[in-house]
PDB file of N, CA and C in Angstrom:
ATOM      1  N   ASP A   1       5.597  59.455 -37.337  1.00  0.00           N
ATOM      2  CA  ASP A   1       5.946  59.305 -38.732  1.00  0.00           C
ATOM      3  C   ASP A   1       6.998  58.220 -38.896  1.00  0.00           C
ATOM      4  N   GLU A   2       6.720  57.247 -39.730  1.00  0.00           N
ATOM      5  CA  GLU A   2       7.597  56.103 -39.916  1.00  0.00           C
ATOM      6  C   GLU A   2       8.746  56.394 -40.891  1.00  0.00           C
ATOM      7  N   LYS A   3       8.746  57.541 -41.520  1.00  0.00           N
ATOM      8  CA  LYS A   3       9.782  57.826 -42.534  1.00  0.00           C
ATOM      9  C   LYS A   3      11.146  58.022 -41.905  1.00  0.00           C
ATOM     10  N   ASP A   4      11.210  58.188 -40.579  1.00  0.00           N
ATOM     11  CA  ASP A   4      12.504  58.369 -39.928  1.00  0.00           C
ATOM     12  C   ASP A   4      13.184  57.034 -39.654  1.00  0.00           C
ATOM     13  N   CYS A   5      12.587  55.943 -40.028  1.00  0.00           N
ATOM     14  CA  CYS A   5      13.203  54.614 -39.833  1.00  0.00           C
ATOM     15  C   CYS A   5      13.084  53.853 -41.154  1.00  0.00           C
ATOM     16  N   GLU A   6      14.174  53.823 -41.886  1.00  0.00           N
ATOM     17  CA  GLU A   6      14.185  53.222 -43.218  1.00  0.00           C
ATOM     18  C   GLU A   6      14.180  51.700 -43.182  1.00  0.00           C
ATOM     19  N   GLY A   7      14.465  51.098 -42.040  1.00  0.00           N
ATOM     20  CA  GLY A   7      14.568  49.644 -41.964  1.00  0.00           C
ATOM     21  C   GLY A   7      15.997  49.210 -42.179  1.00  0.00           C
ATOM     22  N   VAL A   8      16.293  48.001 -41.793  1.00  0.00           N
ATOM     23  CA  VAL A   8      17.659  47.474 -41.901  1.00  0.00           C
ATOM     24  C   VAL A   8      17.577  46.099 -42.550  1.00  0.00           C
ATOM     25  N   GLY A   9      18.402  45.882 -43.565  1.00  0.00           N
ATOM     26  CA  GLY A   9      18.470  44.595 -44.221  1.00  0.00           C
ATOM     27  C   GLY A   9      17.112  44.145 -44.797  1.00  0.00           C
ATOM     28  N   GLY A  10      16.296  45.096 -45.202  1.00  0.00           N
ATOM     29  CA  GLY A  10      15.006  44.729 -45.747  1.00  0.00           C
ATOM     30  C   GLY A  10      13.906  44.557 -44.705  1.00  0.00           C
ATOM     31  N   PHE A  11      14.239  44.619 -43.420  1.00  0.00           N
ATOM     32  CA  PHE A  11      13.236  44.464 -42.368  1.00  0.00           C
ATOM     33  C   PHE A  11      12.681  45.817 -41.975  1.00  0.00           C
ATOM     34  N   LYS A  12      11.387  45.953 -42.029  1.00  0.00           N
ATOM     35  CA  LYS A  12      10.745  47.214 -41.621  1.00  0.00           C
ATOM     36  C   LYS A  12       9.297  46.901 -41.275  1.00  0.00           C
ATOM     37  N   ILE A  13       8.813  47.551 -40.202  1.00  0.00           N
ATOM     38  CA  ILE A  13       7.392  47.463 -39.866  1.00  0.00           C
ATOM     39  C   ILE A  13       6.886  48.882 -39.824  1.00  0.00           C
ATOM     40  N   ASP A  14       5.843  49.141 -40.598  1.00  0.00           N
ATOM     41  CA  ASP A  14       5.198  50.450 -40.572  1.00  0.00           C
ATOM     42  C   ASP A  14       4.113  50.361 -39.500  1.00  0.00           C
ATOM     43  N   LEU A  15       4.384  50.915 -38.330  1.00  0.00           N
ATOM     44  CA  LEU A  15       3.452  50.822 -37.217  1.00  0.00           C
ATOM     45  C   LEU A  15       2.151  51.559 -37.440  1.00  0.00           C
ATOM     46  N   SER A  16       2.142  52.486 -38.377  1.00  0.00           N
ATOM     47  CA  SER A  16       0.899  53.242 -38.632  1.00  0.00           C
ATOM     48  C   SER A  16      -0.121  52.383 -39.377  1.00  0.00           C
ATOM     49  N   THR A  17       0.336  51.346 -40.088  1.00  0.00           N
ATOM     50  CA  THR A  17      -0.584  50.500 -40.845  1.00  0.00           C
ATOM     51  C   THR A  17      -0.577  49.040 -40.371  1.00  0.00           C
ATOM     52  N   TRP A  18       0.336  48.707 -39.462  1.00  0.00           N
ATOM     53  CA  TRP A  18       0.461  47.323 -38.983  1.00  0.00           C
ATOM     54  C   TRP A  18      -0.752  46.940 -38.176  1.00  0.00           C
ATOM     55  N   SER A  19      -1.357  45.797 -38.482  1.00  0.00           N
ATOM     56  CA  SER A  19      -2.578  45.369 -37.794  1.00  0.00           C
ATOM     57  C   SER A  19      -2.298  44.549 -36.545  1.00  0.00           C
ATOM     58  N   GLY A  20      -1.052  44.255 -36.270  1.00  0.00           N
ATOM     59  CA  GLY A  20      -0.723  43.524 -35.054  1.00  0.00           C
ATOM     60  C   GLY A  20      -0.429  42.069 -35.309  1.00  0.00           C
ATOM     61  N   PHE A  21      -0.224  41.339 -34.217  1.00  0.00           N
ATOM     62  CA  PHE A  21       0.062  39.890 -34.298  1.00  0.00           C
ATOM     63  C   PHE A  21      -1.163  39.132 -34.684  1.00  0.00           C
ATOM     64  N   LYS A  22      -1.011  37.997 -35.333  1.00  0.00           N
ATOM     65  CA  LYS A  22      -2.154  37.157 -35.724  1.00  0.00           C
ATOM     66  C   LYS A  22      -2.872  36.621 -34.500  1.00  0.00           C
ATOM     67  N   THR A  23      -2.126  36.302 -33.463  1.00  0.00           N
ATOM     68  CA  THR A  23      -2.715  35.889 -32.179  1.00  0.00           C
ATOM     69  C   THR A  23      -2.098  36.751 -31.103  1.00  0.00           C
ATOM     70  N   GLU A  24      -2.867  37.036 -30.076  1.00  0.00           N
ATOM     71  CA  GLU A  24      -2.387  37.876 -28.973  1.00  0.00           C
ATOM     72  C   GLU A  24      -1.309  37.139 -28.200  1.00  0.00           C
ATOM     73  N   PRO A  25      -0.138  37.714 -28.029  1.00  0.00           N
ATOM     74  CA  PRO A  25       0.917  37.034 -27.286  1.00  0.00           C
ATOM     75  C   PRO A  25       0.583  36.977 -25.800  1.00  0.00           C
ATOM     76  N   ASP A  26       1.032  35.897 -25.142  1.00  0.00           N
ATOM     77  CA  ASP A  26       0.843  35.772 -23.687  1.00  0.00           C
ATOM     78  C   ASP A  26       1.661  36.826 -22.961  1.00  0.00           C
ATOM     79  N   SER A  27       2.831  37.084 -23.488  1.00  0.00           N
ATOM     80  CA  SER A  27       3.672  38.111 -22.903  1.00  0.00           C
ATOM     81  C   SER A  27       4.486  38.751 -24.024  1.00  0.00           C
ATOM     82  N   LEU A  28       4.819  40.014 -23.828  1.00  0.00           N
ATOM     83  CA  LEU A  28       5.577  40.758 -24.839  1.00  0.00           C
ATOM     84  C   LEU A  28       6.537  41.666 -24.127  1.00  0.00           C
ATOM     85  N   HIS A  29       7.809  41.495 -24.428  1.00  0.00           N
ATOM     86  CA  HIS A  29       8.867  42.369 -23.876  1.00  0.00           C
ATOM     87  C   HIS A  29       9.453  43.175 -25.012  1.00  0.00           C
ATOM     88  N   ILE A  30       9.559  44.466 -24.814  1.00  0.00           N
ATOM     89  CA  ILE A  30      10.133  45.352 -25.808  1.00  0.00           C
ATOM     90  C   ILE A  30      11.418  45.937 -25.205  1.00  0.00           C
ATOM     91  N   TRP A  31      12.499  45.803 -25.935  1.00  0.00           N
ATOM     92  CA  TRP A  31      13.811  46.267 -25.494  1.00  0.00           C
ATOM     93  C   TRP A  31      14.188  47.462 -26.346  1.00  0.00           C
ATOM     94  N   GLN A  32      14.437  48.586 -25.723  1.00  0.00           N
ATOM     95  CA  GLN A  32      14.715  49.830 -26.461  1.00  0.00           C
ATOM     96  C   GLN A  32      15.839  50.592 -25.783  1.00  0.00           C
ATOM     97  N   SER A  33      16.752  51.091 -26.588  1.00  0.00           N
ATOM     98  CA  SER A  33      17.814  51.964 -26.064  1.00  0.00           C
ATOM     99  C   SER A  33      17.693  53.332 -26.732  1.00  0.00           C
ATOM    100  N   LYS A  34      17.803  54.337 -25.917  1.00  0.00           N
ATOM    101  CA  LYS A  34      17.645  55.722 -26.414  1.00  0.00           C
ATOM    102  C   LYS A  34      18.628  56.034 -27.510  1.00  0.00           C
ATOM    103  N   ASP A  35      19.845  55.448 -27.466  1.00  0.00           N
ATOM    104  CA  ASP A  35      20.854  55.744 -28.474  1.00  0.00           C
ATOM    105  C   ASP A  35      20.881  54.731 -29.629  1.00  0.00           C
ATOM    106  N   ASP A  36      19.805  53.995 -29.849  1.00  0.00           N
ATOM    107  CA  ASP A  36      19.733  53.049 -30.950  1.00  0.00           C
ATOM    108  C   ASP A  36      19.783  53.850 -32.263  1.00  0.00           C
ATOM    109  N   PRO A  37      20.771  53.578 -33.118  1.00  0.00           N
ATOM    110  CA  PRO A  37      20.886  54.314 -34.372  1.00  0.00           C
ATOM    111  C   PRO A  37      19.895  53.899 -35.432  1.00  0.00           C
ATOM    112  N   PHE A  38      19.191  52.770 -35.231  1.00  0.00           N
ATOM    113  CA  PHE A  38      18.277  52.237 -36.236  1.00  0.00           C
ATOM    114  C   PHE A  38      16.799  52.385 -35.916  1.00  0.00           C
ATOM    115  N   VAL A  39      16.453  52.285 -34.634  1.00  0.00           N
ATOM    116  CA  VAL A  39      15.057  52.278 -34.208  1.00  0.00           C
ATOM    117  C   VAL A  39      14.804  53.442 -33.270  1.00  0.00           C
ATOM    118  N   PRO A  40      14.005  54.410 -33.674  1.00  0.00           N
ATOM    119  CA  PRO A  40      13.705  55.554 -32.807  1.00  0.00           C
ATOM    120  C   PRO A  40      12.891  55.134 -31.583  1.00  0.00           C
ATOM    121  N   THR A  41      13.079  55.820 -30.481  1.00  0.00           N
ATOM    122  CA  THR A  41      12.393  55.446 -29.248  1.00  0.00           C
ATOM    123  C   THR A  41      10.866  55.530 -29.359  1.00  0.00           C
ATOM    124  N   HIS A  42      10.362  56.394 -30.208  1.00  0.00           N
ATOM    125  CA  HIS A  42       8.913  56.464 -30.309  1.00  0.00           C
ATOM    126  C   HIS A  42       8.278  55.230 -30.900  1.00  0.00           C
ATOM    127  N   HIS A  43       9.070  54.372 -31.536  1.00  0.00           N
ATOM    128  CA  HIS A  43       8.543  53.110 -32.044  1.00  0.00           C
ATOM    129  C   HIS A  43       8.133  52.215 -30.868  1.00  0.00           C
ATOM    130  N   SER A  44       8.970  52.158 -29.828  1.00  0.00           N
ATOM    131  CA  SER A  44       8.594  51.320 -28.678  1.00  0.00           C
ATOM    132  C   SER A  44       7.359  51.879 -27.991  1.00  0.00           C
ATOM    133  N   GLU A  45       7.231  53.187 -27.967  1.00  0.00           N
ATOM    134  CA  GLU A  45       6.054  53.799 -27.375  1.00  0.00           C
ATOM    135  C   GLU A  45       4.786  53.449 -28.173  1.00  0.00           C
ATOM    136  N   ARG A  46       4.912  53.349 -29.454  1.00  0.00           N
ATOM    137  CA  ARG A  46       3.751  52.948 -30.310  1.00  0.00           C
ATOM    138  C   ARG A  46       3.361  51.503 -30.040  1.00  0.00           C
ATOM    139  N   PHE A  47       4.374  50.644 -29.855  1.00  0.00           N
ATOM    140  CA  PHE A  47       4.056  49.247 -29.520  1.00  0.00           C
ATOM    141  C   PHE A  47       3.323  49.188 -28.194  1.00  0.00           C
ATOM    142  N   ILE A  48       3.730  49.961 -27.221  1.00  0.00           N
ATOM    143  CA  ILE A  48       3.068  49.987 -25.921  1.00  0.00           C
ATOM    144  C   ILE A  48       1.632  50.461 -26.075  1.00  0.00           C
ATOM    145  N   GLU A  49       1.355  51.390 -26.952  1.00  0.00           N
ATOM    146  CA  GLU A  49       0.002  51.837 -27.202  1.00  0.00           C
ATOM    147  C   GLU A  49      -0.868  50.691 -27.749  1.00  0.00           C
ATOM    148  N   LYS A  50      -0.280  49.872 -28.635  1.00  0.00           N
ATOM    149  CA  LYS A  50      -1.038  48.763 -29.213  1.00  0.00           C
ATOM    150  C   LYS A  50      -1.160  47.599 -28.237  1.00  0.00           C
ATOM    151  N   TYR A  51      -0.139  47.419 -27.384  1.00  0.00           N
ATOM    152  CA  TYR A  51      -0.118  46.317 -26.428  1.00  0.00           C
ATOM    153  C   TYR A  51       0.244  46.836 -25.045  1.00  0.00           C
ATOM    154  N   PRO A  52      -0.746  47.410 -24.349  1.00  0.00           N
ATOM    155  CA  PRO A  52      -0.480  48.034 -23.056  1.00  0.00           C
ATOM    156  C   PRO A  52       0.030  47.089 -21.969  1.00  0.00           C
ATOM    157  N   LYS A  53      -0.184  45.781 -22.148  1.00  0.00           N
ATOM    158  CA  LYS A  53       0.327  44.803 -21.182  1.00  0.00           C
ATOM    159  C   LYS A  53       1.813  44.494 -21.426  1.00  0.00           C
ATOM    160  N   ALA A  54       2.359  44.970 -22.497  1.00  0.00           N
ATOM    161  CA  ALA A  54       3.761  44.708 -22.815  1.00  0.00           C
ATOM    162  C   ALA A  54       4.680  45.336 -21.785  1.00  0.00           C
ATOM    163  N   ILE A  55       5.812  44.766 -21.610  1.00  0.00           N
ATOM    164  CA  ILE A  55       6.813  45.290 -20.672  1.00  0.00           C
ATOM    165  C   ILE A  55       7.904  45.970 -21.490  1.00  0.00           C
ATOM    166  N   LEU A  56       8.096  47.242 -21.212  1.00  0.00           N
ATOM    167  CA  LEU A  56       9.108  48.033 -21.939  1.00  0.00           C
ATOM    168  C   LEU A  56      10.375  48.124 -21.087  1.00  0.00           C
ATOM    169  N   HIS A  57      11.467  47.610 -21.625  1.00  0.00           N
ATOM    170  CA  HIS A  57      12.764  47.686 -20.958  1.00  0.00           C
ATOM    171  C   HIS A  57      13.537  48.795 -21.639  1.00  0.00           C
ATOM    172  N   ARG A  58      13.782  49.874 -20.945  1.00  0.00           N
ATOM    173  CA  ARG A  58      14.437  51.042 -21.532  1.00  0.00           C
ATOM    174  C   ARG A  58      15.881  51.155 -21.050  1.00  0.00           C
ATOM    175  N   PHE A  59      16.725  51.526 -21.981  1.00  0.00           N
ATOM    176  CA  PHE A  59      18.135  51.753 -21.689  1.00  0.00           C
ATOM    177  C   PHE A  59      18.545  53.080 -22.330  1.00  0.00           C
ATOM    178  N   THR A  60      19.678  53.592 -21.950  1.00  0.00           N
ATOM    179  CA  THR A  60      20.165  54.841 -22.546  1.00  0.00           C
ATOM    180  C   THR A  60      21.446  54.639 -23.349  1.00  0.00           C
ATOM    181  N   ASP A  61      22.157  53.536 -23.118  1.00  0.00           N
ATOM    182  CA  ASP A  61      23.490  53.394 -23.681  1.00  0.00           C
ATOM    183  C   ASP A  61      23.770  52.043 -24.301  1.00  0.00           C
ATOM    184  N   ARG A  62      22.788  51.380 -24.873  1.00  0.00           N
ATOM    185  CA  ARG A  62      22.987  50.061 -25.445  1.00  0.00           C
ATOM    186  C   ARG A  62      22.961  50.033 -26.962  1.00  0.00           C
ATOM    187  N   GLY A  63      22.742  51.165 -27.602  1.00  0.00           N
ATOM    188  CA  GLY A  63      22.693  51.206 -29.067  1.00  0.00           C
ATOM    189  C   GLY A  63      21.627  50.252 -29.597  1.00  0.00           C
ATOM    190  N   HIS A  64      22.016  49.423 -30.556  1.00  0.00           N
ATOM    191  CA  HIS A  64      21.092  48.424 -31.135  1.00  0.00           C
ATOM    192  C   HIS A  64      21.354  47.057 -30.528  1.00  0.00           C
ATOM    193  N   PHE A  65      21.877  47.013 -29.327  1.00  0.00           N
ATOM    194  CA  PHE A  65      22.136  45.810 -28.551  1.00  0.00           C
ATOM    195  C   PHE A  65      23.097  44.853 -29.240  1.00  0.00           C
ATOM    196  N   PHE A  66      24.212  45.376 -29.717  1.00  0.00           N
ATOM    197  CA  PHE A  66      25.256  44.569 -30.336  1.00  0.00           C
ATOM    198  C   PHE A  66      26.340  44.202 -29.327  1.00  0.00           C
ATOM    199  N   GLN A  67      26.028  44.121 -28.039  1.00  0.00           N
ATOM    200  CA  GLN A  67      27.056  43.797 -27.053  1.00  0.00           C
ATOM    201  C   GLN A  67      27.150  42.293 -26.869  1.00  0.00           C
ATOM    202  N   SER A  68      28.300  41.842 -26.371  1.00  0.00           N
ATOM    203  CA  SER A  68      28.498  40.415 -26.183  1.00  0.00           C
ATOM    204  C   SER A  68      27.827  39.882 -24.916  1.00  0.00           C
ATOM    205  N   GLU A  69      27.541  40.754 -23.981  1.00  0.00           N
ATOM    206  CA  GLU A  69      26.840  40.345 -22.753  1.00  0.00           C
ATOM    207  C   GLU A  69      25.618  41.212 -22.545  1.00  0.00           C
ATOM    208  N   PHE A  70      24.549  40.567 -22.097  1.00  0.00           N
ATOM    209  CA  PHE A  70      23.296  41.256 -21.890  1.00  0.00           C
ATOM    210  C   PHE A  70      22.595  40.635 -20.691  1.00  0.00           C
ATOM    211  N   PRO A  71      23.092  40.952 -19.477  1.00  0.00           N
ATOM    212  CA  PRO A  71      22.605  40.281 -18.277  1.00  0.00           C
ATOM    213  C   PRO A  71      21.091  40.483 -17.994  1.00  0.00           C
ATOM    214  N   GLU A  72      20.549  41.611 -18.389  1.00  0.00           N
ATOM    215  CA  GLU A  72      19.117  41.850 -18.188  1.00  0.00           C
ATOM    216  C   GLU A  72      18.254  40.898 -19.028  1.00  0.00           C
ATOM    217  N   LEU A  73      18.670  40.669 -20.248  1.00  0.00           N
ATOM    218  CA  LEU A  73      17.945  39.743 -21.095  1.00  0.00           C
ATOM    219  C   LEU A  73      18.107  38.312 -20.600  1.00  0.00           C
ATOM    220  N   LEU A  74      19.325  37.960 -20.195  1.00  0.00           N
ATOM    221  CA  LEU A  74      19.573  36.622 -19.641  1.00  0.00           C
ATOM    222  C   LEU A  74      18.690  36.368 -18.438  1.00  0.00           C
ATOM    223  N   GLU A  75      18.563  37.351 -17.560  1.00  0.00           N
ATOM    224  CA  GLU A  75      17.718  37.190 -16.376  1.00  0.00           C
ATOM    225  C   GLU A  75      16.250  36.958 -16.764  1.00  0.00           C
ATOM    226  N   GLU A  76      15.753  37.727 -17.742  1.00  0.00           N
ATOM    227  CA  GLU A  76      14.381  37.534 -18.190  1.00  0.00           C
ATOM    228  C   GLU A  76      14.168  36.146 -18.777  1.00  0.00           C
ATOM    229  N   LEU A  77      15.122  35.663 -19.561  1.00  0.00           N
ATOM    230  CA  LEU A  77      15.011  34.334 -20.150  1.00  0.00           C
ATOM    231  C   LEU A  77      15.029  33.255 -19.092  1.00  0.00           C
ATOM    232  N   GLN A  78      15.875  33.423 -18.082  1.00  0.00           N
ATOM    233  CA  GLN A  78      15.921  32.421 -17.013  1.00  0.00           C
ATOM    234  C   GLN A  78      14.655  32.414 -16.165  1.00  0.00           C
ATOM    235  N   ASN A  79      13.955  33.522 -16.098  1.00  0.00           N
ATOM    236  CA  ASN A  79      12.707  33.601 -15.333  1.00  0.00           C
ATOM    237  C   ASN A  79      11.465  33.309 -16.185  1.00  0.00           C
ATOM    238  N   PHE A  80      11.653  33.046 -17.470  1.00  0.00           N
ATOM    239  CA  PHE A  80      10.536  32.848 -18.395  1.00  0.00           C
ATOM    240  C   PHE A  80       9.815  31.530 -18.058  1.00  0.00           C
ATOM    241  N   LYS A  81       8.495  31.608 -18.034  1.00  0.00           N
ATOM    242  CA  LYS A  81       7.696  30.399 -17.720  1.00  0.00           C
ATOM    243  C   LYS A  81       6.723  30.156 -18.823  1.00  0.00           C
TER     244      LYS A  81
END
């Protein structure tokens, strides 16, 4: 149920009706933290259902990723080809 995520700043995706990307991405990384106050964890699980090749990066203590350092993301960007 998407009603548990009201969206932030006018941004919202209703995954129950979303038809997906216009073109299939070559790679897709989803970053999710269990304690995110804005995006419930089941949203990342729904993305994985739509895009099974996606890579899900799960955390327990990162909130909505408002930290000044994010070494895991930096490593992924440095390895991006």
